[in-house]
Structure formats: C-alpha cells, structure tokens
C-alpha cells in the first residue's frame, strides 16, 4: 500500500467533523511530500528541531502541529510558524508560548493536555487544574495564545475497555469545560486517538486524531 492509498483509505472513513493529523515524526521529507501530494496539509511532529527542518524544506501552506512534550527553551524555534501546540500541560509553558508568539505578532492556538491514563509516564494536567487555569485572570493577560481544546493520551494497553473509559473521561471533562469561554479560551477540539485506536476515539467524541504508522508504515528510528 502506498502512502496515498493509506491516506485515502483513512480519510474515506472519517466523519466530516474529524481532523486528521498525519504524524510524520522520524519520516523523511519525501514521505511527507507523498502525503502532501495526496492532499494532506496537517502534519504532526514530536520534536521541535525536526519540525523546524521540515518546515524549512516544505511548502508553506502546511499546518504544523507540535504533538510531543514541549520543552520551554525550544518554543522560540517554532513560534514563527507552528499552527497548533497539542501538549500544553502547565501555565509556565503557556506563558512561554505567549511570549514567543508576541515576538512574531501571532496568536498561537494551544490544546491543554489532560492526564486521562493510569500510567505515570503520561504528562498532563488534572481536570481541576485545567478549570482553574482557564478561569484565571492570569490567562486573560496572555493575549498571544488561544486555548482551542483539550488533548489526551490513553494508556498503552490492549484493553479496549480501559481505553474507551479514558476517552470517555476526556469527552466528559471537555463537555464540562466547554461553557467556559473567555477572550482567549474557546474549546472546540478534542484531540485523542492514534493509529491503533482512532476509530474508538471517534466513537467516544474525538474531533482530531493523530495517525502515523497507518499512513506512513512502521516508524524509522535513526538513532
């Protein structure tokens, strides 16, 4: 199967309200261009340096999503072009994104990462922390960021019942927070679901899925 065929297969199954992020981390630009030529315009990377290198080489109508854990000292490298930051898990990070966005006279859209998995290894905020953050006065002073949704990662397990429960938890939290609208917070996106479980995620209310291996094949690790 080619990348184009894989993409078309996935897109043909997606409801209209679901956005597909092609997870292109560790993939060469030639693979990304194959997806681009097949009509894909949203790519997700989990390392800022790699995203910057690809941004420089590729067409400028691409929307780049930062889907990995973000180190504050690297935000400045992507602030000029990043379209959406998925993994915002602290006010400190939001402040840094705001500071760097201001330098480029941009507003950067962000998703707040909520911890829904049982695993200790997953990053994320509690629903209480998120509620405090989006209702805080401190947030309204950050005029160069906008919180447009939430993101969550399910536990890495074959137990679909557990995954489903975690996805539903994120959907419930989202519905609870959605009425809270401020000048820079308007929740519309629920980013959850990857190659192995995106169908389940969509059934549970996801509006944005992050799919890599089902499009590009197994990952390449150079190191």
C-alpha atoms as a PDB file:
ATOM      1  CA  UNK A   1       0.000   0.000   0.000  1.00  0.00           C
ATOM      2  CA  UNK A   2       1.267   3.469  -0.832  1.00  0.00           C
ATOM      3  CA  UNK A   3       1.092   6.462   1.483  1.00  0.00           C
ATOM      4  CA  UNK A   4      -1.517   7.986  -0.838  1.00  0.00           C
ATOM      5  CA  UNK A   5      -3.700   4.867  -0.651  1.00  0.00           C
ATOM      6  CA  UNK A   6      -3.360   4.670   3.116  1.00  0.00           C
ATOM      7  CA  UNK A   7      -4.363   8.315   3.435  1.00  0.00           C
ATOM      8  CA  UNK A   8      -7.334   7.954   1.120  1.00  0.00           C
ATOM      9  CA  UNK A   9      -8.499   4.852   2.979  1.00  0.00           C
ATOM     10  CA  UNK A  10      -8.411   6.614   6.330  1.00  0.00           C
ATOM     11  CA  UNK A  11      -9.985   9.823   5.050  1.00  0.00           C
ATOM     12  CA  UNK A  12     -12.827   7.906   3.409  1.00  0.00           C
ATOM     13  CA  UNK A  13     -13.786   6.509   6.826  1.00  0.00           C
ATOM     14  CA  UNK A  14     -13.618   9.786   8.743  1.00  0.00           C
ATOM     15  CA  UNK A  15     -16.712  11.789   9.655  1.00  0.00           C
ATOM     16  CA  UNK A  16     -16.615  15.374   8.343  1.00  0.00           C
ATOM     17  CA  UNK A  17     -16.069  16.909  11.774  1.00  0.00           C
ATOM     18  CA  UNK A  18     -12.857  14.924  12.434  1.00  0.00           C
ATOM     19  CA  UNK A  19      -9.477  16.437  11.529  1.00  0.00           C
ATOM     20  CA  UNK A  20      -6.650  14.117  10.547  1.00  0.00           C
ATOM     21  CA  UNK A  21      -3.154  14.989  11.762  1.00  0.00           C
ATOM     22  CA  UNK A  22      -0.558  12.962   9.846  1.00  0.00           C
ATOM     23  CA  UNK A  23       2.091  12.081  12.421  1.00  0.00           C
ATOM     24  CA  UNK A  24       5.279  12.414  10.430  1.00  0.00           C
ATOM     25  CA  UNK A  25       7.931  12.198  13.149  1.00  0.00           C
ATOM     26  CA  UNK A  26      11.103  10.325  12.091  1.00  0.00           C
ATOM     27  CA  UNK A  27       9.846  10.204   8.472  1.00  0.00           C
ATOM     28  CA  UNK A  28      11.852  11.673   5.586  1.00  0.00           C
ATOM     29  CA  UNK A  29      10.563  14.722   3.712  1.00  0.00           C
ATOM     30  CA  UNK A  30       9.980  12.515   0.637  1.00  0.00           C
ATOM     31  CA  UNK A  31       7.339  10.558   2.600  1.00  0.00           C
ATOM     32  CA  UNK A  32       5.716  13.757   3.800  1.00  0.00           C
ATOM     33  CA  UNK A  33       5.666  15.107   0.239  1.00  0.00           C
ATOM     34  CA  UNK A  34       3.896  11.958  -0.918  1.00  0.00           C
ATOM     35  CA  UNK A  35       1.202  12.650   1.671  1.00  0.00           C
ATOM     36  CA  UNK A  36       1.182  16.340   0.717  1.00  0.00           C
ATOM     37  CA  UNK A  37       0.697  15.475  -2.950  1.00  0.00           C
ATOM     38  CA  UNK A  38      -2.235  13.276  -1.898  1.00  0.00           C
ATOM     39  CA  UNK A  39      -3.850  16.339  -0.332  1.00  0.00           C
ATOM     40  CA  UNK A  40      -2.702  16.165   3.308  1.00  0.00           C
ATOM     41  CA  UNK A  41      -1.954  19.586   4.796  1.00  0.00           C
ATOM     42  CA  UNK A  42      -1.707  18.959   8.545  1.00  0.00           C
ATOM     43  CA  UNK A  43       1.404  17.252   9.893  1.00  0.00           C
ATOM     44  CA  UNK A  44       2.319  16.458  13.487  1.00  0.00           C
ATOM     45  CA  UNK A  45       5.848  16.283  14.842  1.00  0.00           C
ATOM     46  CA  UNK A  46       7.027  15.500  18.347  1.00  0.00           C
ATOM     47  CA  UNK A  47      10.470  17.131  18.199  1.00  0.00           C
ATOM     48  CA  UNK A  48      10.675  20.858  17.559  1.00  0.00           C
ATOM     49  CA  UNK A  49      14.069  20.653  15.827  1.00  0.00           C
ATOM     50  CA  UNK A  50      12.809  18.073  13.348  1.00  0.00           C
ATOM     51  CA  UNK A  51       9.678  20.107  12.705  1.00  0.00           C
ATOM     52  CA  UNK A  52      11.733  23.242  12.002  1.00  0.00           C
ATOM     53  CA  UNK A  53      13.925  21.394   9.493  1.00  0.00           C
ATOM     54  CA  UNK A  54      10.892  20.031   7.647  1.00  0.00           C
ATOM     55  CA  UNK A  55       9.106  23.391   7.743  1.00  0.00           C
ATOM     56  CA  UNK A  56      12.095  24.979   6.026  1.00  0.00           C
ATOM     57  CA  UNK A  57      12.100  22.386   3.233  1.00  0.00           C
ATOM     58  CA  UNK A  58       8.390  22.036   2.565  1.00  0.00           C
ATOM     59  CA  UNK A  59       5.513  24.075   1.067  1.00  0.00           C
ATOM     60  CA  UNK A  60       4.297  26.915   3.228  1.00  0.00           C
ATOM     61  CA  UNK A  61       0.579  26.073   3.167  1.00  0.00           C
ATOM     62  CA  UNK A  62       1.205  23.197   5.588  1.00  0.00           C
ATOM     63  CA  UNK A  63      -0.146  23.479   9.108  1.00  0.00           C
ATOM     64  CA  UNK A  64       2.397  22.138  11.573  1.00  0.00           C
ATOM     65  CA  UNK A  65       1.192  20.662  14.839  1.00  0.00           C
ATOM     66  CA  UNK A  66       3.538  20.106  17.749  1.00  0.00           C
ATOM     67  CA  UNK A  67       2.230  16.902  19.311  1.00  0.00           C
ATOM     68  CA  UNK A  68       5.104  15.909  21.596  1.00  0.00           C
ATOM     69  CA  UNK A  69       6.118  17.057  25.045  1.00  0.00           C
ATOM     70  CA  UNK A  70       7.311  20.660  24.725  1.00  0.00           C
ATOM     71  CA  UNK A  71      10.448  21.961  26.393  1.00  0.00           C
ATOM     72  CA  UNK A  72      10.070  25.637  27.209  1.00  0.00           C
ATOM     73  CA  UNK A  73      13.557  26.570  25.986  1.00  0.00           C
ATOM     74  CA  UNK A  74      12.703  25.270  22.485  1.00  0.00           C
ATOM     75  CA  UNK A  75       9.439  27.162  21.984  1.00  0.00           C
ATOM     76  CA  UNK A  76      11.223  30.072  20.309  1.00  0.00           C
ATOM     77  CA  UNK A  77      12.257  27.874  17.368  1.00  0.00           C
ATOM     78  CA  UNK A  78       8.685  27.079  16.325  1.00  0.00           C
ATOM     79  CA  UNK A  79       6.867  30.254  17.394  1.00  0.00           C
ATOM     80  CA  UNK A  80       7.102  31.799  13.941  1.00  0.00           C
ATOM     81  CA  UNK A  81       5.107  29.085  12.187  1.00  0.00           C
ATOM     82  CA  UNK A  82       3.539  26.431  14.436  1.00  0.00           C
ATOM     83  CA  UNK A  83      -0.202  26.132  13.883  1.00  0.00           C
ATOM     84  CA  UNK A  84      -1.290  24.210  16.984  1.00  0.00           C
ATOM     85  CA  UNK A  85       0.508  23.005  20.121  1.00  0.00           C
ATOM     86  CA  UNK A  86      -1.169  19.835  21.459  1.00  0.00           C
ATOM     87  CA  UNK A  87       0.692  19.104  24.661  1.00  0.00           C
ATOM     88  CA  UNK A  88       0.380  22.212  26.838  1.00  0.00           C
ATOM     89  CA  UNK A  89       0.500  20.884  30.383  1.00  0.00           C
ATOM     90  CA  UNK A  90       1.384  23.918  32.515  1.00  0.00           C
ATOM     91  CA  UNK A  91       0.764  27.635  32.851  1.00  0.00           C
ATOM     92  CA  UNK A  92       4.534  28.207  32.641  1.00  0.00           C
ATOM     93  CA  UNK A  93       4.611  26.658  29.174  1.00  0.00           C
ATOM     94  CA  UNK A  94       1.611  28.716  28.091  1.00  0.00           C
ATOM     95  CA  UNK A  95       3.404  31.857  29.272  1.00  0.00           C
ATOM     96  CA  UNK A  96       6.485  30.974  27.234  1.00  0.00           C
ATOM     97  CA  UNK A  97       4.417  30.253  24.104  1.00  0.00           C
ATOM     98  CA  UNK A  98       2.674  33.606  24.599  1.00  0.00           C
ATOM     99  CA  UNK A  99       5.998  35.430  24.996  1.00  0.00           C
ATOM    100  CA  UNK A 100       7.472  33.912  21.827  1.00  0.00           C
ATOM    101  CA  UNK A 101       4.242  34.365  19.816  1.00  0.00           C
ATOM    102  CA  UNK A 102       4.238  38.053  20.696  1.00  0.00           C
ATOM    103  CA  UNK A 103       7.671  38.469  19.093  1.00  0.00           C
ATOM    104  CA  UNK A 104       6.186  37.304  15.802  1.00  0.00           C
ATOM    105  CA  UNK A 105       2.940  39.210  16.287  1.00  0.00           C
ATOM    106  CA  UNK A 106       0.956  35.957  16.234  1.00  0.00           C
ATOM    107  CA  UNK A 107      -1.659  34.213  18.286  1.00  0.00           C
ATOM    108  CA  UNK A 108      -0.743  30.542  18.729  1.00  0.00           C
ATOM    109  CA  UNK A 109      -3.542  28.042  19.285  1.00  0.00           C
ATOM    110  CA  UNK A 110      -2.994  25.531  22.077  1.00  0.00           C
ATOM    111  CA  UNK A 111      -4.633  22.399  23.432  1.00  0.00           C
ATOM    112  CA  UNK A 112      -4.387  21.663  27.133  1.00  0.00           C
ATOM    113  CA  UNK A 113      -3.143  18.153  27.785  1.00  0.00           C
ATOM    114  CA  UNK A 114      -5.262  16.372  30.354  1.00  0.00           C
ATOM    115  CA  UNK A 115      -3.985  13.261  32.084  1.00  0.00           C
ATOM    116  CA  UNK A 116      -6.537  10.533  31.422  1.00  0.00           C
ATOM    117  CA  UNK A 117      -4.250   7.482  31.510  1.00  0.00           C
ATOM    118  CA  UNK A 118      -3.447   5.443  34.594  1.00  0.00           C
ATOM    119  CA  UNK A 119       0.222   5.303  33.614  1.00  0.00           C
ATOM    120  CA  UNK A 120       2.654   7.554  35.462  1.00  0.00           C
ATOM    121  CA  UNK A 121       4.644   8.131  32.306  1.00  0.00           C
ATOM    122  CA  UNK A 122       1.992  10.264  30.593  1.00  0.00           C
ATOM    123  CA  UNK A 123       2.125  14.036  31.017  1.00  0.00           C
ATOM    124  CA  UNK A 124      -0.928  16.144  31.592  1.00  0.00           C
ATOM    125  CA  UNK A 125      -2.946  18.284  33.971  1.00  0.00           C
ATOM    126  CA  UNK A 126      -5.850  17.237  36.146  1.00  0.00           C
ATOM    127  CA  UNK A 127      -9.310  18.459  35.140  1.00  0.00           C
ATOM    128  CA  UNK A 128      -9.334  20.651  38.280  1.00  0.00           C
ATOM    129  CA  UNK A 129      -6.063  22.313  37.256  1.00  0.00           C
ATOM    130  CA  UNK A 130      -7.405  22.955  33.777  1.00  0.00           C
ATOM    131  CA  UNK A 131     -10.577  24.513  35.136  1.00  0.00           C
ATOM    132  CA  UNK A 132      -8.540  26.795  37.421  1.00  0.00           C
ATOM    133  CA  UNK A 133      -6.284  27.781  34.556  1.00  0.00           C
ATOM    134  CA  UNK A 134      -8.973  28.674  32.036  1.00  0.00           C
ATOM    135  CA  UNK A 135     -10.984  30.680  34.564  1.00  0.00           C
ATOM    136  CA  UNK A 136      -7.932  32.538  35.904  1.00  0.00           C
ATOM    137  CA  UNK A 137      -7.286  36.213  35.370  1.00  0.00           C
ATOM    138  CA  UNK A 138      -3.678  35.341  34.645  1.00  0.00           C
ATOM    139  CA  UNK A 139      -4.766  33.611  31.442  1.00  0.00           C
ATOM    140  CA  UNK A 140      -6.602  36.640  30.068  1.00  0.00           C
ATOM    141  CA  UNK A 141      -3.341  38.591  30.185  1.00  0.00           C
ATOM    142  CA  UNK A 142      -1.787  36.139  27.692  1.00  0.00           C
ATOM    143  CA  UNK A 143      -3.156  37.781  24.559  1.00  0.00           C
ATOM    144  CA  UNK A 144      -0.938  35.853  22.109  1.00  0.00           C
ATOM    145  CA  UNK A 145      -2.256  32.386  22.885  1.00  0.00           C
ATOM    146  CA  UNK A 146      -5.703  30.908  22.463  1.00  0.00           C
ATOM    147  CA  UNK A 147      -6.843  27.678  24.079  1.00  0.00           C
ATOM    148  CA  UNK A 148      -8.920  25.908  21.473  1.00  0.00           C
ATOM    149  CA  UNK A 149      -9.389  22.483  23.027  1.00  0.00           C
ATOM    150  CA  UNK A 150      -8.067  19.568  25.009  1.00  0.00           C
ATOM    151  CA  UNK A 151      -5.806  16.621  24.267  1.00  0.00           C
ATOM    152  CA  UNK A 152      -5.358  13.298  25.971  1.00  0.00           C
ATOM    153  CA  UNK A 153      -3.433  10.065  25.562  1.00  0.00           C
ATOM    154  CA  UNK A 154      -4.915   6.754  26.634  1.00  0.00           C
ATOM    155  CA  UNK A 155      -2.966   4.100  28.483  1.00  0.00           C
ATOM    156  CA  UNK A 156      -0.756   1.960  26.247  1.00  0.00           C
ATOM    157  CA  UNK A 157      -2.713  -1.271  26.574  1.00  0.00           C
ATOM    158  CA  UNK A 158      -4.636  -3.828  24.533  1.00  0.00           C
ATOM    159  CA  UNK A 159      -7.579  -3.469  26.892  1.00  0.00           C
ATOM    160  CA  UNK A 160     -10.067  -1.570  24.747  1.00  0.00           C
ATOM    161  CA  UNK A 161     -12.499  -1.259  27.676  1.00  0.00           C
ATOM    162  CA  UNK A 162      -9.907   0.730  29.614  1.00  0.00           C
ATOM    163  CA  UNK A 163      -9.036   2.877  26.584  1.00  0.00           C
ATOM    164  CA  UNK A 164     -12.717   3.569  25.965  1.00  0.00           C
ATOM    165  CA  UNK A 165     -13.214   4.611  29.599  1.00  0.00           C
ATOM    166  CA  UNK A 166     -10.264   7.021  29.347  1.00  0.00           C
ATOM    167  CA  UNK A 167     -11.505   8.526  26.091  1.00  0.00           C
ATOM    168  CA  UNK A 168     -14.963   8.984  27.586  1.00  0.00           C
ATOM    169  CA  UNK A 169     -13.380  10.653  30.605  1.00  0.00           C
ATOM    170  CA  UNK A 170     -11.755  13.244  28.323  1.00  0.00           C
ATOM    171  CA  UNK A 171     -15.027  13.855  26.476  1.00  0.00           C
ATOM    172  CA  UNK A 172     -16.837  14.379  29.798  1.00  0.00           C
ATOM    173  CA  UNK A 173     -14.169  16.828  31.010  1.00  0.00           C
ATOM    174  CA  UNK A 174     -14.382  18.685  27.692  1.00  0.00           C
ATOM    175  CA  UNK A 175     -18.182  18.999  27.939  1.00  0.00           C
ATOM    176  CA  UNK A 176     -17.826  20.270  31.491  1.00  0.00           C
ATOM    177  CA  UNK A 177     -15.290  22.938  30.478  1.00  0.00           C
ATOM    178  CA  UNK A 178     -16.806  23.952  27.135  1.00  0.00           C
ATOM    179  CA  UNK A 179     -19.268  26.547  28.534  1.00  0.00           C
ATOM    180  CA  UNK A 180     -16.322  28.495  29.971  1.00  0.00           C
ATOM    181  CA  UNK A 181     -15.484  30.990  27.246  1.00  0.00           C
ATOM    182  CA  UNK A 182     -13.090  33.864  27.655  1.00  0.00           C
ATOM    183  CA  UNK A 183     -11.212  36.221  25.355  1.00  0.00           C
ATOM    184  CA  UNK A 184      -8.550  33.590  24.742  1.00  0.00           C
ATOM    185  CA  UNK A 185     -10.295  30.315  25.516  1.00  0.00           C
ATOM    186  CA  UNK A 186     -12.849  28.759  23.229  1.00  0.00           C
ATOM    187  CA  UNK A 187     -12.897  24.984  23.440  1.00  0.00           C
ATOM    188  CA  UNK A 188     -13.771  23.252  20.177  1.00  0.00           C
ATOM    189  CA  UNK A 189     -11.248  20.462  19.714  1.00  0.00           C
ATOM    190  CA  UNK A 190     -10.851  17.097  21.413  1.00  0.00           C
ATOM    191  CA  UNK A 191      -7.565  15.605  20.214  1.00  0.00           C
ATOM    192  CA  UNK A 192      -7.484  11.896  21.049  1.00  0.00           C
ATOM    193  CA  UNK A 193      -6.894   8.678  19.177  1.00  0.00           C
ATOM    194  CA  UNK A 194      -3.914   7.294  17.257  1.00  0.00           C
ATOM    195  CA  UNK A 195      -3.341   4.600  14.631  1.00  0.00           C
ATOM    196  CA  UNK A 196      -4.367   1.749  16.914  1.00  0.00           C
ATOM    197  CA  UNK A 197      -7.472   3.284  18.459  1.00  0.00           C
ATOM    198  CA  UNK A 198      -8.705   6.263  16.423  1.00  0.00           C
ATOM    199  CA  UNK A 199     -11.961   4.563  15.443  1.00  0.00           C
ATOM    200  CA  UNK A 200     -12.788   4.052  19.113  1.00  0.00           C
ATOM    201  CA  UNK A 201     -11.706   7.632  19.884  1.00  0.00           C
ATOM    202  CA  UNK A 202     -14.078   8.999  17.229  1.00  0.00           C
ATOM    203  CA  UNK A 203     -16.915   6.917  18.680  1.00  0.00           C
ATOM    204  CA  UNK A 204     -16.124   8.496  22.054  1.00  0.00           C
ATOM    205  CA  UNK A 205     -16.236  12.052  20.688  1.00  0.00           C
ATOM    206  CA  UNK A 206     -12.793  12.843  19.279  1.00  0.00           C
ATOM    207  CA  UNK A 207     -12.655  15.667  16.721  1.00  0.00           C
ATOM    208  CA  UNK A 208      -8.930  15.347  15.931  1.00  0.00           C
ATOM    209  CA  UNK A 209      -6.901  12.159  15.501  1.00  0.00           C
ATOM    210  CA  UNK A 210      -3.124  11.735  15.327  1.00  0.00           C
ATOM    211  CA  UNK A 211      -2.263   8.965  12.889  1.00  0.00           C
ATOM    212  CA  UNK A 212       1.272   7.940  11.927  1.00  0.00           C
ATOM    213  CA  UNK A 213       2.013   4.284  11.216  1.00  0.00           C
ATOM    214  CA  UNK A 214      -1.334   3.657   9.472  1.00  0.00           C
ATOM    215  CA  UNK A 215      -0.306   6.305   6.923  1.00  0.00           C
ATOM    216  CA  UNK A 216       3.472   6.032   6.723  1.00  0.00           C
ATOM    217  CA  UNK A 217       4.096   2.449   7.866  1.00  0.00           C
ATOM    218  CA  UNK A 218       6.238   1.486  10.856  1.00  0.00           C
ATOM    219  CA  UNK A 219       8.477   4.149  12.356  1.00  0.00           C
ATOM    220  CA  UNK A 220      12.096   4.687  11.357  1.00  0.00           C
ATOM    221  CA  UNK A 221      14.474   5.421  14.185  1.00  0.00           C
ATOM    222  CA  UNK A 222      17.846   6.650  13.034  1.00  0.00           C
ATOM    223  CA  UNK A 223      19.476   6.815  16.467  1.00  0.00           C
END
